[in-house]
Amino acid sequence: MSKENFTHIPVLLNESIDGLNINPAGTYLDCTFGRGGHSKEILKRLNQNGRLVAIDQDLAAVAEGKKINDKRFDIYHGKFSSMDEIVKKKVLKSWMEF
């Protein structure tokens, strides 16, 4: 399969998102953005006050995330294990400007 024909299908999308019981004004962290299937669904369920932050160590995934043009969404390059540092140093700073 070539990259041009690649389609990513999120695993257990509805079950995962329904299980979050999303608060439309809530803040969520996706630590394994991948190709954004779950994140895009979360964004659909957020109102203007909701926020979503994503992290991925794969630069191609981060590049895919940067295509999402939504002021409620930020994506950062990093490992799942660095989420504490990313949230403290980058996310909180950007939220002050929000």
C-alpha atoms as a PDB file:
ATOM      1  CA  MET A   1       0.000   0.000   0.000  1.00  0.00           C
ATOM      2  CA  SER A   2       1.440   3.378  -0.958  1.00  0.00           C
ATOM      3  CA  LYS A   3       1.390   6.401   1.321  1.00  0.00           C
ATOM      4  CA  GLU A   4      -1.074   8.101  -1.020  1.00  0.00           C
ATOM      5  CA  ASN A   5      -3.621   5.328  -0.384  1.00  0.00           C
ATOM      6  CA  PHE A   6      -3.060   5.098   3.359  1.00  0.00           C
ATOM      7  CA  THR A   7      -6.173   5.508   5.491  1.00  0.00           C
ATOM      8  CA  HIS A   8      -5.992   5.378   9.253  1.00  0.00           C
ATOM      9  CA  ILE A   9      -9.004   3.921  11.027  1.00  0.00           C
ATOM     10  CA  PRO A  10      -9.045   4.706  14.758  1.00  0.00           C
ATOM     11  CA  VAL A  11      -9.451   1.647  16.967  1.00  0.00           C
ATOM     12  CA  LEU A  12     -12.635   1.534  19.067  1.00  0.00           C
ATOM     13  CA  LEU A  13     -13.363   5.187  18.268  1.00  0.00           C
ATOM     14  CA  ASN A  14     -16.933   5.409  19.533  1.00  0.00           C
ATOM     15  CA  GLU A  15     -16.297   3.232  22.563  1.00  0.00           C
ATOM     16  CA  SER A  16     -13.235   5.262  23.541  1.00  0.00           C
ATOM     17  CA  ILE A  17     -14.840   8.656  23.108  1.00  0.00           C
ATOM     18  CA  ASP A  18     -18.146   7.653  24.701  1.00  0.00           C
ATOM     19  CA  GLY A  19     -16.193   6.281  27.668  1.00  0.00           C
ATOM     20  CA  LEU A  20     -14.642   9.690  28.264  1.00  0.00           C
ATOM     21  CA  ASN A  21     -18.067  11.174  29.004  1.00  0.00           C
ATOM     22  CA  ILE A  22     -16.789  14.440  27.558  1.00  0.00           C
ATOM     23  CA  ASN A  23     -17.571  17.718  29.248  1.00  0.00           C
ATOM     24  CA  PRO A  24     -17.892  20.184  26.331  1.00  0.00           C
ATOM     25  CA  ALA A  25     -15.963  22.827  28.289  1.00  0.00           C
ATOM     26  CA  GLY A  26     -13.372  20.350  29.587  1.00  0.00           C
ATOM     27  CA  THR A  27      -9.662  20.010  28.989  1.00  0.00           C
ATOM     28  CA  TYR A  28      -8.262  16.798  27.517  1.00  0.00           C
ATOM     29  CA  LEU A  29      -4.804  15.383  26.832  1.00  0.00           C
ATOM     30  CA  ASP A  30      -4.167  12.880  24.039  1.00  0.00           C
ATOM     31  CA  CYS A  31      -0.725  11.409  24.677  1.00  0.00           C
ATOM     32  CA  THR A  32      -0.703   9.193  21.579  1.00  0.00           C
ATOM     33  CA  PHE A  33      -2.034  11.439  18.799  1.00  0.00           C
ATOM     34  CA  GLY A  34      -1.114   9.082  15.940  1.00  0.00           C
ATOM     35  CA  ARG A  35      -3.099  10.367  12.980  1.00  0.00           C
ATOM     36  CA  GLY A  36      -5.633  12.216  15.099  1.00  0.00           C
ATOM     37  CA  GLY A  37      -8.759  10.107  14.778  1.00  0.00           C
ATOM     38  CA  HIS A  38      -9.598  10.218  18.467  1.00  0.00           C
ATOM     39  CA  SER A  39      -8.509  13.843  18.845  1.00  0.00           C
ATOM     40  CA  LYS A  40     -10.668  14.994  15.945  1.00  0.00           C
ATOM     41  CA  GLU A  41     -13.681  13.300  17.506  1.00  0.00           C
ATOM     42  CA  ILE A  42     -12.970  14.909  20.880  1.00  0.00           C
ATOM     43  CA  LEU A  43     -12.774  18.327  19.208  1.00  0.00           C
ATOM     44  CA  LYS A  44     -16.198  17.762  17.632  1.00  0.00           C
ATOM     45  CA  ARG A  45     -17.635  17.365  21.120  1.00  0.00           C
ATOM     46  CA  LEU A  46     -15.995  20.415  22.717  1.00  0.00           C
ATOM     47  CA  ASN A  47     -17.538  23.855  22.873  1.00  0.00           C
ATOM     48  CA  GLN A  48     -15.619  27.124  22.503  1.00  0.00           C
ATOM     49  CA  ASN A  49     -14.266  26.796  26.051  1.00  0.00           C
ATOM     50  CA  GLY A  50     -12.989  23.231  25.673  1.00  0.00           C
ATOM     51  CA  ARG A  51      -9.306  22.479  25.128  1.00  0.00           C
ATOM     52  CA  LEU A  52      -7.382  19.550  23.704  1.00  0.00           C
ATOM     53  CA  VAL A  53      -3.635  19.036  23.895  1.00  0.00           C
ATOM     54  CA  ALA A  54      -1.910  16.233  22.011  1.00  0.00           C
ATOM     55  CA  ILE A  55       1.570  14.752  22.286  1.00  0.00           C
ATOM     56  CA  ASP A  56       3.336  12.336  19.972  1.00  0.00           C
ATOM     57  CA  GLN A  57       6.957  11.282  19.580  1.00  0.00           C
ATOM     58  CA  ASP A  58       6.486  10.594  15.848  1.00  0.00           C
ATOM     59  CA  LEU A  59       7.320  13.733  13.853  1.00  0.00           C
ATOM     60  CA  ALA A  60       4.969  12.650  11.041  1.00  0.00           C
ATOM     61  CA  ALA A  61       2.123  12.477  13.565  1.00  0.00           C
ATOM     62  CA  VAL A  62       2.981  15.940  14.875  1.00  0.00           C
ATOM     63  CA  ALA A  63       3.018  17.259  11.293  1.00  0.00           C
ATOM     64  CA  GLU A  64      -0.440  15.745  10.783  1.00  0.00           C
ATOM     65  CA  GLY A  65      -1.644  17.391  13.989  1.00  0.00           C
ATOM     66  CA  LYS A  66      -0.368  20.789  12.879  1.00  0.00           C
ATOM     67  CA  LYS A  67      -2.845  20.597   9.988  1.00  0.00           C
ATOM     68  CA  ILE A  68      -5.688  20.964  12.490  1.00  0.00           C
ATOM     69  CA  ASN A  69      -6.536  24.651  12.471  1.00  0.00           C
ATOM     70  CA  ASP A  70      -8.438  25.036  15.721  1.00  0.00           C
ATOM     71  CA  LYS A  71      -7.586  27.482  18.518  1.00  0.00           C
ATOM     72  CA  ARG A  72      -8.769  24.907  21.071  1.00  0.00           C
ATOM     73  CA  PHE A  73      -6.071  22.447  19.968  1.00  0.00           C
ATOM     74  CA  ASP A  74      -2.296  22.273  20.470  1.00  0.00           C
ATOM     75  CA  ILE A  75       0.115  19.485  19.570  1.00  0.00           C
ATOM     76  CA  TYR A  76       3.633  18.959  20.853  1.00  0.00           C
ATOM     77  CA  HIS A  77       6.480  16.651  19.934  1.00  0.00           C
ATOM     78  CA  GLY A  78       7.470  14.455  22.854  1.00  0.00           C
ATOM     79  CA  LYS A  79       7.146  11.140  24.588  1.00  0.00           C
ATOM     80  CA  PHE A  80       4.226  10.049  26.731  1.00  0.00           C
ATOM     81  CA  SER A  81       6.638  10.028  29.664  1.00  0.00           C
ATOM     82  CA  SER A  82       7.348  13.748  29.168  1.00  0.00           C
ATOM     83  CA  MET A  83       3.721  14.870  29.452  1.00  0.00           C
ATOM     84  CA  ASP A  84       4.285  16.520  32.830  1.00  0.00           C
ATOM     85  CA  GLU A  85       7.112  18.667  31.479  1.00  0.00           C
ATOM     86  CA  ILE A  86       5.224  19.513  28.281  1.00  0.00           C
ATOM     87  CA  VAL A  87       2.111  20.573  30.159  1.00  0.00           C
ATOM     88  CA  LYS A  88       4.060  22.688  32.662  1.00  0.00           C
ATOM     89  CA  LYS A  89       6.461  24.379  30.238  1.00  0.00           C
ATOM     90  CA  LYS A  90       4.457  24.711  27.042  1.00  0.00           C
ATOM     91  CA  VAL A  91       0.762  24.182  27.545  1.00  0.00           C
ATOM     92  CA  LEU A  92       0.237  26.334  30.615  1.00  0.00           C
ATOM     93  CA  LYS A  93       2.175  29.176  28.946  1.00  0.00           C
ATOM     94  CA  SER A  94       0.059  28.982  25.786  1.00  0.00           C
ATOM     95  CA  TRP A  95      -3.161  28.902  27.840  1.00  0.00           C
ATOM     96  CA  MET A  96      -2.216  32.161  29.512  1.00  0.00           C
ATOM     97  CA  GLU A  97      -2.283  33.682  26.011  1.00  0.00           C
ATOM     98  CA  PHE A  98      -5.571  31.959  25.055  1.00  0.00           C
END
